[in-house]
Amino acid sequence: MGKITAIEVQRKNKKRYNVYIDDSFAFGVHEDVLIWHKLTVGMELSTAFKEEVLVAEEQSKANNYALKLLGYRARSEQEIRSRLSQKGYEINTIEGTVRFLKKNNYIDDYAFAKALVNDELNLKQSGEGLIKQKLLQKGISKGIIQSVLEEILDEEESLAACIQLAEKKLNTTYRNDAPIDKMRKIIAFLQRRGYPYSMIRKAVGGILNED
């Protein structure tokens, strides 16, 4: 047992407090933890209750770290888990943070995947293969990937984007190459951009027919 003899606001962070037990510094806590556990001067703390407070403080730190990460950009659940693990948080704390984020709609893998797909299509003109690869790298499940792609992808729009990319490359980077080299390079380029070979054949064939 020990008695709280002082609670002081930290100088650098007004939302954090230093707690002193029996006139000695014991630990620091966020104001949410202080309020939730009703910590006050004169309160007697058992070892078990002190441990409960420290666990809550660790959870609070993890939650706030995750919110800080999300303040920079949207992230998938797997990205959050990975960053928390790298930071040294234990699995129980990580699970608690993920529950907190989901409950408050801070993370949603389906919405995250939709936003990424739209960016890849509209800003980068990526093909389906490359988009799938990026989603998998973010830890998005195959089920969500399939659902999102079925909802958003349009074959005619993908073909139009594939043709546009091919024409741009043929008129700039590869314009001075021999015809056979142009085709070889453009096919390889479009494959790297994630387009299936069947679509590339249509795109390249359409350009050749125009010529």
N, C-alpha and C. Protein backbone atom coordinates (compact mmCIF):
# COMPACT_ATOMS: atom_id res chain seq x y z
N MET A 1 0.84 -1.21 0.00
CA MET A 1 0.00 0.00 0.00
C MET A 1 0.87 1.25 0.00
N GLY A 2 0.32 2.31 -0.51
CA GLY A 2 1.00 3.59 -0.50
C GLY A 2 -0.02 4.69 -0.68
N LYS A 3 0.31 5.88 -0.22
CA LYS A 3 -0.63 7.00 -0.30
C LYS A 3 -0.13 8.03 -1.31
N ILE A 4 -1.07 8.52 -2.15
CA ILE A 4 -0.73 9.60 -3.08
C ILE A 4 -0.56 10.88 -2.27
N THR A 5 0.64 11.44 -2.34
CA THR A 5 0.91 12.65 -1.56
C THR A 5 0.95 13.91 -2.42
N ALA A 6 1.04 13.75 -3.74
CA ALA A 6 1.03 14.92 -4.62
C ALA A 6 0.73 14.48 -6.05
N ILE A 7 0.05 15.37 -6.79
CA ILE A 7 -0.21 15.18 -8.22
C ILE A 7 0.10 16.51 -8.90
N GLU A 8 1.06 16.49 -9.82
CA GLU A 8 1.51 17.73 -10.46
C GLU A 8 1.39 17.64 -11.98
N VAL A 9 0.97 18.75 -12.58
CA VAL A 9 0.91 18.82 -14.04
C VAL A 9 2.34 18.86 -14.59
N GLN A 10 2.59 18.07 -15.63
CA GLN A 10 3.92 18.07 -16.24
C GLN A 10 4.15 19.37 -17.00
N ARG A 11 5.37 19.85 -17.00
CA ARG A 11 5.68 21.14 -17.62
C ARG A 11 5.53 21.13 -19.13
N LYS A 12 5.97 20.06 -19.77
CA LYS A 12 5.98 20.02 -21.23
C LYS A 12 4.66 19.55 -21.85
N ASN A 13 3.82 18.93 -21.04
CA ASN A 13 2.54 18.42 -21.55
C ASN A 13 1.48 18.60 -20.48
N LYS A 14 0.61 19.57 -20.69
CA LYS A 14 -0.39 19.91 -19.69
C LYS A 14 -1.48 18.86 -19.54
N LYS A 15 -1.48 17.87 -20.41
CA LYS A 15 -2.47 16.80 -20.30
C LYS A 15 -1.90 15.58 -19.57
N ARG A 16 -0.67 15.70 -19.08
CA ARG A 16 -0.06 14.61 -18.34
C ARG A 16 0.30 15.07 -16.92
N TYR A 17 0.26 14.10 -16.00
CA TYR A 17 0.47 14.42 -14.59
C TYR A 17 1.49 13.47 -13.96
N ASN A 18 2.29 14.01 -13.06
CA ASN A 18 3.21 13.21 -12.26
C ASN A 18 2.52 12.87 -10.94
N VAL A 19 2.55 11.59 -10.60
CA VAL A 19 1.92 11.13 -9.36
C VAL A 19 3.01 10.72 -8.37
N TYR A 20 2.90 11.25 -7.15
CA TYR A 20 3.87 10.95 -6.10
C TYR A 20 3.20 10.09 -5.03
N ILE A 21 3.88 9.03 -4.64
CA ILE A 21 3.40 8.16 -3.58
C ILE A 21 4.39 8.22 -2.42
N ASP A 22 3.86 8.54 -1.25
CA ASP A 22 4.70 8.67 -0.05
C ASP A 22 5.87 9.62 -0.31
N ASP A 23 5.55 10.75 -0.96
CA ASP A 23 6.49 11.85 -1.22
C ASP A 23 7.58 11.52 -2.24
N SER A 24 7.43 10.41 -2.95
CA SER A 24 8.40 10.05 -3.99
C SER A 24 7.67 9.89 -5.33
N PHE A 25 8.33 10.33 -6.42
CA PHE A 25 7.71 10.18 -7.74
C PHE A 25 7.45 8.70 -8.01
N ALA A 26 6.21 8.40 -8.45
CA ALA A 26 5.83 7.00 -8.71
C ALA A 26 5.65 6.73 -10.20
N PHE A 27 4.87 7.58 -10.87
CA PHE A 27 4.63 7.37 -12.30
C PHE A 27 3.94 8.60 -12.89
N GLY A 28 3.94 8.66 -14.22
CA GLY A 28 3.22 9.71 -14.93
C GLY A 28 2.02 9.12 -15.63
N VAL A 29 0.94 9.90 -15.71
CA VAL A 29 -0.27 9.41 -16.38
C VAL A 29 -0.91 10.52 -17.21
N HIS A 30 -1.65 10.09 -18.24
CA HIS A 30 -2.45 11.02 -19.02
C HIS A 30 -3.66 11.43 -18.19
N GLU A 31 -4.20 12.61 -18.45
CA GLU A 31 -5.32 13.10 -17.65
C GLU A 31 -6.54 12.18 -17.74
N ASP A 32 -6.72 11.50 -18.90
CA ASP A 32 -7.84 10.57 -19.03
C ASP A 32 -7.73 9.43 -18.03
N VAL A 33 -6.51 8.92 -17.85
CA VAL A 33 -6.28 7.84 -16.89
C VAL A 33 -6.47 8.35 -15.46
N LEU A 34 -5.99 9.56 -15.22
CA LEU A 34 -6.14 10.18 -13.90
C LEU A 34 -7.61 10.30 -13.52
N ILE A 35 -8.41 10.79 -14.47
CA ILE A 35 -9.84 11.01 -14.21
C ILE A 35 -10.58 9.69 -14.10
N TRP A 36 -10.31 8.76 -15.04
CA TRP A 36 -11.02 7.49 -15.06
C TRP A 36 -10.82 6.70 -13.77
N HIS A 37 -9.60 6.75 -13.24
CA HIS A 37 -9.30 6.00 -12.02
C HIS A 37 -9.46 6.84 -10.75
N LYS A 38 -9.91 8.08 -10.94
CA LYS A 38 -10.22 8.98 -9.82
C LYS A 38 -9.05 9.11 -8.85
N LEU A 39 -7.86 9.34 -9.42
CA LEU A 39 -6.67 9.48 -8.59
C LEU A 39 -6.67 10.86 -7.94
N THR A 40 -6.56 10.88 -6.63
CA THR A 40 -6.56 12.14 -5.88
C THR A 40 -5.53 12.06 -4.75
N VAL A 41 -5.09 13.23 -4.31
CA VAL A 41 -4.16 13.30 -3.19
C VAL A 41 -4.83 12.72 -1.94
N GLY A 42 -4.09 11.87 -1.23
CA GLY A 42 -4.62 11.23 -0.03
C GLY A 42 -5.16 9.83 -0.29
N MET A 43 -5.27 9.47 -1.55
CA MET A 43 -5.81 8.15 -1.91
C MET A 43 -4.80 7.06 -1.60
N GLU A 44 -5.27 5.97 -1.01
CA GLU A 44 -4.41 4.82 -0.74
C GLU A 44 -4.43 3.90 -1.97
N LEU A 45 -3.24 3.51 -2.43
CA LEU A 45 -3.14 2.65 -3.61
C LEU A 45 -2.60 1.28 -3.23
N SER A 46 -3.37 0.24 -3.56
CA SER A 46 -2.86 -1.12 -3.38
C SER A 46 -1.94 -1.44 -4.55
N THR A 47 -1.15 -2.47 -4.40
CA THR A 47 -0.25 -2.88 -5.48
C THR A 47 -1.05 -3.27 -6.72
N ALA A 48 -2.17 -3.95 -6.52
CA ALA A 48 -3.00 -4.40 -7.64
C ALA A 48 -3.61 -3.21 -8.38
N PHE A 49 -4.09 -2.22 -7.62
CA PHE A 49 -4.72 -1.05 -8.25
C PHE A 49 -3.68 -0.22 -8.99
N LYS A 50 -2.50 -0.10 -8.40
CA LYS A 50 -1.41 0.63 -9.07
C LYS A 50 -1.07 -0.04 -10.40
N GLU A 51 -1.03 -1.37 -10.41
CA GLU A 51 -0.74 -2.10 -11.65
C GLU A 51 -1.84 -1.86 -12.68
N GLU A 52 -3.08 -1.79 -12.22
CA GLU A 52 -4.20 -1.52 -13.12
C GLU A 52 -4.05 -0.14 -13.77
N VAL A 53 -3.63 0.83 -12.97
CA VAL A 53 -3.42 2.19 -13.48
C VAL A 53 -2.30 2.21 -14.52
N LEU A 54 -1.23 1.50 -14.24
CA LEU A 54 -0.09 1.48 -15.16
C LEU A 54 -0.44 0.79 -16.48
N VAL A 55 -1.27 -0.25 -16.41
CA VAL A 55 -1.73 -0.92 -17.63
C VAL A 55 -2.59 0.03 -18.45
N ALA A 56 -3.46 0.77 -17.78
CA ALA A 56 -4.32 1.74 -18.46
C ALA A 56 -3.49 2.85 -19.09
N GLU A 57 -2.43 3.26 -18.40
CA GLU A 57 -1.55 4.30 -18.93
C GLU A 57 -0.83 3.81 -20.18
N GLU A 58 -0.37 2.57 -20.16
CA GLU A 58 0.29 2.00 -21.34
C GLU A 58 -0.68 1.94 -22.52
N GLN A 59 -1.93 1.58 -22.22
CA GLN A 59 -2.94 1.53 -23.28
C GLN A 59 -3.22 2.92 -23.83
N SER A 60 -3.27 3.89 -22.96
CA SER A 60 -3.49 5.27 -23.38
C SER A 60 -2.37 5.76 -24.29
N LYS A 61 -1.14 5.42 -23.93
CA LYS A 61 0.00 5.82 -24.76
C LYS A 61 -0.09 5.19 -26.15
N ALA A 62 -0.44 3.91 -26.19
CA ALA A 62 -0.55 3.21 -27.48
C ALA A 62 -1.66 3.82 -28.33
N ASN A 63 -2.80 4.09 -27.70
CA ASN A 63 -3.92 4.70 -28.43
C ASN A 63 -3.53 6.05 -29.01
N ASN A 64 -2.88 6.86 -28.22
CA ASN A 64 -2.49 8.20 -28.67
C ASN A 64 -1.41 8.14 -29.76
N TYR A 65 -0.53 7.15 -29.66
CA TYR A 65 0.49 6.99 -30.70
C TYR A 65 -0.17 6.61 -32.02
N ALA A 66 -1.14 5.71 -31.95
CA ALA A 66 -1.86 5.30 -33.16
C ALA A 66 -2.61 6.48 -33.77
N LEU A 67 -3.24 7.29 -32.93
CA LEU A 67 -3.95 8.47 -33.44
C LEU A 67 -2.99 9.46 -34.08
N LYS A 68 -1.80 9.56 -33.53
CA LYS A 68 -0.78 10.43 -34.12
C LYS A 68 -0.40 9.94 -35.52
N LEU A 69 -0.23 8.63 -35.66
CA LEU A 69 0.09 8.05 -36.97
C LEU A 69 -1.03 8.33 -37.97
N LEU A 70 -2.26 8.17 -37.52
CA LEU A 70 -3.41 8.39 -38.41
C LEU A 70 -3.58 9.87 -38.75
N GLY A 71 -2.98 10.73 -37.95
CA GLY A 71 -3.03 12.16 -38.24
C GLY A 71 -2.21 12.52 -39.47
N TYR A 72 -1.22 11.68 -39.78
CA TYR A 72 -0.39 11.92 -40.97
C TYR A 72 -1.07 11.41 -42.23
N ARG A 73 -1.67 10.21 -42.15
CA ARG A 73 -2.38 9.64 -43.29
C ARG A 73 -3.20 8.45 -42.81
N ALA A 74 -4.16 8.04 -43.64
CA ALA A 74 -4.96 6.86 -43.31
C ALA A 74 -4.06 5.62 -43.35
N ARG A 75 -4.38 4.64 -42.52
CA ARG A 75 -3.58 3.42 -42.47
C ARG A 75 -4.48 2.20 -42.32
N SER A 76 -3.98 1.08 -42.77
CA SER A 76 -4.71 -0.18 -42.61
C SER A 76 -4.49 -0.71 -41.19
N GLU A 77 -5.32 -1.67 -40.82
CA GLU A 77 -5.17 -2.29 -39.50
C GLU A 77 -3.78 -2.91 -39.34
N GLN A 78 -3.31 -3.59 -40.39
CA GLN A 78 -2.01 -4.24 -40.31
C GLN A 78 -0.88 -3.22 -40.15
N GLU A 79 -1.00 -2.08 -40.80
CA GLU A 79 0.02 -1.04 -40.65
C GLU A 79 0.08 -0.55 -39.21
N ILE A 80 -1.08 -0.35 -38.61
CA ILE A 80 -1.13 0.09 -37.21
C ILE A 80 -0.51 -0.96 -36.30
N ARG A 81 -0.89 -2.21 -36.51
CA ARG A 81 -0.34 -3.30 -35.69
C ARG A 81 1.19 -3.34 -35.80
N SER A 82 1.68 -3.21 -37.02
CA SER A 82 3.12 -3.29 -37.26
C SER A 82 3.86 -2.15 -36.57
N ARG A 83 3.34 -0.93 -36.68
CA ARG A 83 4.01 0.22 -36.07
C ARG A 83 3.99 0.13 -34.54
N LEU A 84 2.89 -0.35 -33.98
CA LEU A 84 2.81 -0.50 -32.53
C LEU A 84 3.79 -1.57 -32.05
N SER A 85 3.91 -2.64 -32.81
CA SER A 85 4.85 -3.70 -32.46
C SER A 85 6.28 -3.19 -32.52
N GLN A 86 6.59 -2.41 -33.56
CA GLN A 86 7.93 -1.83 -33.69
C GLN A 86 8.24 -0.89 -32.52
N LYS A 87 7.20 -0.27 -32.00
CA LYS A 87 7.36 0.67 -30.88
C LYS A 87 7.56 -0.07 -29.56
N GLY A 88 7.34 -1.39 -29.57
CA GLY A 88 7.60 -2.18 -28.37
C GLY A 88 6.38 -2.52 -27.54
N TYR A 89 5.18 -2.21 -28.04
CA TYR A 89 3.98 -2.52 -27.27
C TYR A 89 3.68 -4.02 -27.32
N GLU A 90 3.14 -4.55 -26.23
CA GLU A 90 2.81 -5.96 -26.15
C GLU A 90 1.51 -6.24 -26.88
N ILE A 91 1.29 -7.51 -27.20
CA ILE A 91 0.15 -7.91 -28.03
C ILE A 91 -1.19 -7.50 -27.42
N ASN A 92 -1.33 -7.63 -26.09
CA ASN A 92 -2.60 -7.26 -25.45
C ASN A 92 -2.89 -5.77 -25.61
N THR A 93 -1.85 -4.96 -25.51
CA THR A 93 -2.01 -3.52 -25.68
C THR A 93 -2.36 -3.19 -27.13
N ILE A 94 -1.71 -3.87 -28.07
CA ILE A 94 -1.98 -3.66 -29.49
C ILE A 94 -3.43 -4.02 -29.81
N GLU A 95 -3.89 -5.15 -29.28
CA GLU A 95 -5.27 -5.57 -29.51
C GLU A 95 -6.24 -4.53 -28.94
N GLY A 96 -5.91 -3.99 -27.78
CA GLY A 96 -6.76 -2.96 -27.18
C GLY A 96 -6.84 -1.71 -28.03
N THR A 97 -5.71 -1.32 -28.61
CA THR A 97 -5.69 -0.14 -29.47
C THR A 97 -6.50 -0.37 -30.74
N VAL A 98 -6.36 -1.54 -31.33
CA VAL A 98 -7.12 -1.86 -32.55
C VAL A 98 -8.62 -1.82 -32.25
N ARG A 99 -9.03 -2.37 -31.12
CA ARG A 99 -10.45 -2.33 -30.74
C ARG A 99 -10.92 -0.89 -30.58
N PHE A 100 -10.09 -0.07 -29.93
CA PHE A 100 -10.42 1.34 -29.72
C PHE A 100 -10.58 2.07 -31.05
N LEU A 101 -9.65 1.83 -31.98
CA LEU A 101 -9.69 2.51 -33.27
C LEU A 101 -10.90 2.08 -34.11
N LYS A 102 -11.20 0.79 -34.08
CA LYS A 102 -12.35 0.30 -34.84
C LYS A 102 -13.66 0.82 -34.25
N LYS A 103 -13.76 0.79 -32.94
CA LYS A 103 -14.98 1.23 -32.26
C LYS A 103 -15.30 2.68 -32.60
N ASN A 104 -14.25 3.49 -32.74
CA ASN A 104 -14.44 4.92 -33.01
C ASN A 104 -14.26 5.28 -34.49
N ASN A 105 -14.25 4.23 -35.34
CA ASN A 105 -14.18 4.41 -36.80
C ASN A 105 -12.93 5.15 -37.27
N TYR A 106 -11.83 4.95 -36.56
CA TYR A 106 -10.57 5.56 -36.99
C TYR A 106 -9.88 4.70 -38.04
N ILE A 107 -10.13 3.39 -38.02
CA ILE A 107 -9.59 2.51 -39.06
C ILE A 107 -10.71 1.66 -39.62
N ASP A 108 -10.65 1.42 -40.92
CA ASP A 108 -11.64 0.62 -41.63
C ASP A 108 -10.97 0.13 -42.90
N ASP A 109 -10.59 -1.13 -42.93
CA ASP A 109 -9.82 -1.66 -44.06
C ASP A 109 -10.57 -1.56 -45.38
N TYR A 110 -11.89 -1.69 -45.35
CA TYR A 110 -12.66 -1.61 -46.59
C TYR A 110 -12.59 -0.19 -47.15
N ALA A 111 -12.83 0.79 -46.30
CA ALA A 111 -12.77 2.19 -46.74
C ALA A 111 -11.35 2.56 -47.16
N PHE A 112 -10.36 2.05 -46.42
CA PHE A 112 -8.96 2.31 -46.76
C PHE A 112 -8.64 1.75 -48.14
N ALA A 113 -9.09 0.52 -48.40
CA ALA A 113 -8.83 -0.12 -49.69
C ALA A 113 -9.49 0.64 -50.83
N LYS A 114 -10.72 1.10 -50.63
CA LYS A 114 -11.42 1.86 -51.67
C LYS A 114 -10.66 3.14 -52.01
N ALA A 115 -10.19 3.83 -50.99
CA ALA A 115 -9.45 5.08 -51.22
C ALA A 115 -8.16 4.81 -51.98
N LEU A 116 -7.46 3.74 -51.59
CA LEU A 116 -6.20 3.41 -52.26
C LEU A 116 -6.45 3.05 -53.73
N VAL A 117 -7.48 2.25 -53.98
CA VAL A 117 -7.79 1.85 -55.36
C VAL A 117 -8.13 3.07 -56.21
N ASN A 118 -8.94 3.96 -55.68
CA ASN A 118 -9.30 5.16 -56.44
C ASN A 118 -8.08 6.03 -56.75
N ASP A 119 -7.17 6.15 -55.78
CA ASP A 119 -5.95 6.92 -56.02
C ASP A 119 -5.09 6.26 -57.09
N GLU A 120 -4.95 4.94 -57.01
CA GLU A 120 -4.13 4.23 -57.99
C GLU A 120 -4.72 4.34 -59.40
N LEU A 121 -6.04 4.31 -59.49
CA LEU A 121 -6.68 4.39 -60.80
C LEU A 121 -6.65 5.81 -61.36
N ASN A 122 -7.00 6.77 -60.53
CA ASN A 122 -7.18 8.14 -61.02
C ASN A 122 -5.90 8.96 -61.08
N LEU A 123 -4.98 8.69 -60.16
CA LEU A 123 -3.76 9.50 -60.10
C LEU A 123 -2.56 8.82 -60.77
N LYS A 124 -2.53 7.48 -60.72
CA LYS A 124 -1.35 6.77 -61.22
C LYS A 124 -1.65 5.85 -62.40
N GLN A 125 -2.92 5.68 -62.72
CA GLN A 125 -3.33 4.80 -63.83
C GLN A 125 -2.73 3.40 -63.69
N SER A 126 -2.77 2.88 -62.49
CA SER A 126 -2.24 1.54 -62.24
C SER A 126 -3.23 0.48 -62.71
N GLY A 127 -2.69 -0.68 -63.09
CA GLY A 127 -3.52 -1.80 -63.48
C GLY A 127 -3.91 -2.64 -62.28
N GLU A 128 -4.82 -3.57 -62.52
CA GLU A 128 -5.37 -4.40 -61.44
C GLU A 128 -4.29 -5.17 -60.69
N GLY A 129 -3.32 -5.72 -61.41
CA GLY A 129 -2.29 -6.52 -60.77
C GLY A 129 -1.46 -5.73 -59.78
N LEU A 130 -1.06 -4.51 -60.17
CA LEU A 130 -0.26 -3.67 -59.29
C LEU A 130 -1.07 -3.20 -58.09
N ILE A 131 -2.34 -2.91 -58.32
CA ILE A 131 -3.22 -2.48 -57.23
C ILE A 131 -3.37 -3.60 -56.20
N LYS A 132 -3.60 -4.82 -56.67
CA LYS A 132 -3.71 -5.96 -55.76
C LYS A 132 -2.44 -6.11 -54.92
N GLN A 133 -1.30 -5.98 -55.58
CA GLN A 133 -0.02 -6.12 -54.90
C GLN A 133 0.13 -5.09 -53.78
N LYS A 134 -0.25 -3.85 -54.06
CA LYS A 134 -0.12 -2.79 -53.06
C LYS A 134 -1.08 -3.02 -51.89
N LEU A 135 -2.28 -3.49 -52.19
CA LEU A 135 -3.25 -3.77 -51.13
C LEU A 135 -2.77 -4.90 -50.23
N LEU A 136 -2.21 -5.94 -50.83
CA LEU A 136 -1.67 -7.05 -50.05
C LEU A 136 -0.52 -6.59 -49.17
N GLN A 137 0.31 -5.69 -49.69
CA GLN A 137 1.43 -5.16 -48.91
C GLN A 137 0.95 -4.37 -47.70
N LYS A 138 -0.25 -3.79 -47.81
CA LYS A 138 -0.82 -3.04 -46.70
C LYS A 138 -1.55 -3.95 -45.71
N GLY A 139 -1.58 -5.26 -46.01
CA GLY A 139 -2.22 -6.20 -45.10
C GLY A 139 -3.71 -6.33 -45.29
N ILE A 140 -4.23 -5.87 -46.42
CA ILE A 140 -5.66 -5.99 -46.68
C ILE A 140 -5.99 -7.43 -47.06
N SER A 141 -7.07 -7.97 -46.51
CA SER A 141 -7.43 -9.36 -46.77
C SER A 141 -7.85 -9.55 -48.23
N LYS A 142 -7.68 -10.78 -48.72
CA LYS A 142 -8.04 -11.09 -50.11
C LYS A 142 -9.53 -10.89 -50.35
N GLY A 143 -10.33 -11.17 -49.33
CA GLY A 143 -11.78 -11.00 -49.47
C GLY A 143 -12.16 -9.55 -49.69
N ILE A 144 -11.55 -8.65 -48.91
CA ILE A 144 -11.82 -7.22 -49.07
C ILE A 144 -11.31 -6.73 -50.42
N ILE A 145 -10.12 -7.19 -50.80
CA ILE A 145 -9.55 -6.79 -52.10
C ILE A 145 -10.49 -7.15 -53.24
N GLN A 146 -10.98 -8.38 -53.21
CA GLN A 146 -11.88 -8.83 -54.28
C GLN A 146 -13.16 -8.00 -54.32
N SER A 147 -13.74 -7.74 -53.14
CA SER A 147 -14.99 -6.97 -53.08
C SER A 147 -14.80 -5.55 -53.59
N VAL A 148 -13.70 -4.92 -53.17
CA VAL A 148 -13.45 -3.53 -53.57
C VAL A 148 -13.19 -3.43 -55.07
N LEU A 149 -12.39 -4.35 -55.60
CA LEU A 149 -12.08 -4.31 -57.03
C LEU A 149 -13.33 -4.57 -57.87
N GLU A 150 -14.18 -5.49 -57.41
CA GLU A 150 -15.43 -5.75 -58.13
C GLU A 150 -16.33 -4.53 -58.13
N GLU A 151 -16.28 -3.78 -57.03
CA GLU A 151 -17.12 -2.58 -56.91
C GLU A 151 -16.62 -1.42 -57.77
N ILE A 152 -15.30 -1.28 -57.88
CA ILE A 152 -14.74 -0.07 -58.49
C ILE A 152 -14.22 -0.28 -59.91
N LEU A 153 -13.54 -1.39 -60.16
CA LEU A 153 -12.89 -1.57 -61.47
C LEU A 153 -13.90 -1.64 -62.61
N ASP A 154 -13.56 -0.98 -63.70
CA ASP A 154 -14.36 -1.02 -64.92
C ASP A 154 -13.41 -1.38 -66.07
N GLU A 155 -13.70 -2.46 -66.78
CA GLU A 155 -12.76 -2.96 -67.79
C GLU A 155 -12.53 -1.96 -68.91
N GLU A 156 -13.58 -1.28 -69.34
CA GLU A 156 -13.42 -0.31 -70.42
C GLU A 156 -12.55 0.87 -69.98
N GLU A 157 -12.75 1.33 -68.75
CA GLU A 157 -11.93 2.42 -68.24
C GLU A 157 -10.48 1.98 -68.07
N SER A 158 -10.28 0.74 -67.63
CA SER A 158 -8.92 0.22 -67.47
C SER A 158 -8.22 0.12 -68.82
N LEU A 159 -8.95 -0.33 -69.84
CA LEU A 159 -8.38 -0.43 -71.18
C LEU A 159 -8.01 0.96 -71.71
N ALA A 160 -8.88 1.93 -71.47
CA ALA A 160 -8.61 3.30 -71.92
C ALA A 160 -7.35 3.85 -71.24
N ALA A 161 -7.19 3.57 -69.95
CA ALA A 161 -6.01 4.02 -69.22
C ALA A 161 -4.76 3.33 -69.75
N CYS A 162 -4.89 2.05 -70.04
CA CYS A 162 -3.77 1.27 -70.58
C CYS A 162 -3.32 1.85 -71.93
N ILE A 163 -4.28 2.17 -72.78
CA ILE A 163 -3.97 2.77 -74.09
C ILE A 163 -3.29 4.12 -73.92
N GLN A 164 -3.81 4.92 -73.00
CA GLN A 164 -3.25 6.25 -72.76
C GLN A 164 -1.80 6.16 -72.30
N LEU A 165 -1.52 5.24 -71.38
CA LEU A 165 -0.14 5.05 -70.92
C LEU A 165 0.76 4.60 -72.06
N ALA A 166 0.27 3.68 -72.87
CA ALA A 166 1.06 3.17 -73.99
C ALA A 166 1.38 4.28 -74.99
N GLU A 167 0.38 5.07 -75.33
CA GLU A 167 0.59 6.16 -76.29
C GLU A 167 1.59 7.18 -75.76
N LYS A 168 1.48 7.48 -74.48
CA LYS A 168 2.40 8.46 -73.88
C LYS A 168 3.84 7.97 -73.95
N LYS A 169 4.05 6.71 -73.61
CA LYS A 169 5.40 6.15 -73.65
C LYS A 169 5.93 6.08 -75.08
N LEU A 170 5.06 5.67 -76.00
CA LEU A 170 5.49 5.54 -77.39
C LEU A 170 5.84 6.89 -78.01
N ASN A 171 5.20 7.94 -77.53
CA ASN A 171 5.44 9.27 -78.09
C ASN A 171 6.53 10.05 -77.35
N THR A 172 7.03 9.48 -76.27
CA THR A 172 8.07 10.19 -75.50
C THR A 172 9.30 9.30 -75.30
N THR A 173 9.26 8.47 -74.29
CA THR A 173 10.43 7.67 -73.91
C THR A 173 10.93 6.77 -75.03
N TYR A 174 10.00 6.12 -75.75
CA TYR A 174 10.40 5.12 -76.74
C TYR A 174 10.26 5.62 -78.18
N ARG A 175 10.07 6.90 -78.38
CA ARG A 175 9.73 7.39 -79.73
C ARG A 175 10.84 7.17 -80.76
N ASN A 176 12.09 7.11 -80.33
CA ASN A 176 13.20 6.94 -81.28
C ASN A 176 13.67 5.49 -81.41
N ASP A 177 12.99 4.58 -80.70
CA ASP A 177 13.38 3.17 -80.77
C ASP A 177 12.84 2.52 -82.05
N ALA A 178 13.48 1.44 -82.43
CA ALA A 178 12.99 0.65 -83.56
C ALA A 178 11.62 0.07 -83.21
N PRO A 179 10.73 -0.12 -84.20
CA PRO A 179 9.37 -0.60 -83.94
C PRO A 179 9.32 -1.85 -83.06
N ILE A 180 10.16 -2.83 -83.33
CA ILE A 180 10.12 -4.07 -82.54
C ILE A 180 10.54 -3.81 -81.10
N ASP A 181 11.50 -2.90 -80.92
CA ASP A 181 11.95 -2.55 -79.56
C ASP A 181 10.86 -1.77 -78.82
N LYS A 182 10.17 -0.90 -79.57
CA LYS A 182 9.07 -0.14 -78.96
C LYS A 182 8.03 -1.08 -78.36
N MET A 183 7.61 -2.06 -79.15
CA MET A 183 6.58 -2.97 -78.70
C MET A 183 7.05 -3.80 -77.51
N ARG A 184 8.28 -4.28 -77.58
CA ARG A 184 8.82 -5.09 -76.48
C ARG A 184 8.87 -4.28 -75.19
N LYS A 185 9.33 -3.05 -75.29
CA LYS A 185 9.47 -2.20 -74.10
C LYS A 185 8.11 -1.77 -73.56
N ILE A 186 7.18 -1.45 -74.45
CA ILE A 186 5.88 -0.97 -73.97
C ILE A 186 5.10 -2.10 -73.31
N ILE A 187 5.24 -3.31 -73.85
CA ILE A 187 4.57 -4.46 -73.23
C ILE A 187 5.13 -4.70 -71.83
N ALA A 188 6.45 -4.65 -71.69
CA ALA A 188 7.09 -4.86 -70.39
C ALA A 188 6.67 -3.75 -69.41
N PHE A 189 6.61 -2.52 -69.91
CA PHE A 189 6.22 -1.38 -69.07
C PHE A 189 4.80 -1.54 -68.54
N LEU A 190 3.88 -1.89 -69.42
CA LEU A 190 2.48 -2.03 -69.02
C LEU A 190 2.28 -3.21 -68.07
N GLN A 191 3.06 -4.26 -68.25
CA GLN A 191 3.00 -5.38 -67.32
C GLN A 191 3.46 -4.95 -65.93
N ARG A 192 4.50 -4.13 -65.88
CA ARG A 192 4.97 -3.62 -64.58
C ARG A 192 3.92 -2.72 -63.94
N ARG A 193 3.12 -2.07 -64.76
CA ARG A 193 2.06 -1.20 -64.24
C ARG A 193 0.84 -1.99 -63.79
N GLY A 194 0.90 -3.31 -63.95
CA GLY A 194 -0.16 -4.16 -63.41
C GLY A 194 -1.26 -4.54 -64.37
N TYR A 195 -1.08 -4.28 -65.66
CA TYR A 195 -2.12 -4.63 -66.62
C TYR A 195 -1.93 -6.07 -67.12
N PRO A 196 -3.03 -6.81 -67.29
CA PRO A 196 -2.93 -8.19 -67.78
C PRO A 196 -2.53 -8.20 -69.25
N TYR A 197 -1.88 -9.27 -69.65
CA TYR A 197 -1.36 -9.35 -71.03
C TYR A 197 -2.48 -9.26 -72.06
N SER A 198 -3.64 -9.83 -71.74
CA SER A 198 -4.76 -9.78 -72.69
C SER A 198 -5.18 -8.35 -72.97
N MET A 199 -5.17 -7.51 -71.93
CA MET A 199 -5.54 -6.10 -72.11
C MET A 199 -4.43 -5.33 -72.83
N ILE A 200 -3.19 -5.68 -72.53
CA ILE A 200 -2.06 -5.02 -73.20
C ILE A 200 -2.11 -5.29 -74.70
N ARG A 201 -2.44 -6.51 -75.09
CA ARG A 201 -2.54 -6.86 -76.52
C ARG A 201 -3.59 -6.00 -77.20
N LYS A 202 -4.73 -5.80 -76.53
CA LYS A 202 -5.79 -4.96 -77.11
C LYS A 202 -5.31 -3.52 -77.24
N ALA A 203 -4.64 -3.02 -76.19
CA ALA A 203 -4.18 -1.63 -76.20
C ALA A 203 -3.15 -1.40 -77.29
N VAL A 204 -2.15 -2.25 -77.34
CA VAL A 204 -1.08 -2.11 -78.33
C VAL A 204 -1.63 -2.34 -79.74
N GLY A 205 -2.52 -3.32 -79.87
CA GLY A 205 -3.12 -3.59 -81.18
C GLY A 205 -3.91 -2.41 -81.69
N GLY A 206 -4.63 -1.75 -80.78
CA GLY A 206 -5.41 -0.58 -81.18
C GLY A 206 -4.53 0.55 -81.66
N ILE A 207 -3.40 0.75 -81.00
CA ILE A 207 -2.47 1.81 -81.40
C ILE A 207 -1.85 1.50 -82.75
N LEU A 208 -1.47 0.24 -82.96
CA LEU A 208 -0.87 -0.16 -84.24
C LEU A 208 -1.85 0.00 -85.39
N ASN A 209 -3.12 -0.32 -85.12
CA ASN A 209 -4.13 -0.19 -86.16
C ASN A 209 -4.34 1.27 -86.55
N GLU A 210 -4.22 2.16 -85.54
CA GLU A 210 -4.35 3.59 -85.83
C GLU A 210 -3.20 4.07 -86.70
N ASP A 211 -1.99 3.51 -86.42
CA ASP A 211 -0.82 3.89 -87.21
C ASP A 211 -0.92 3.34 -88.63
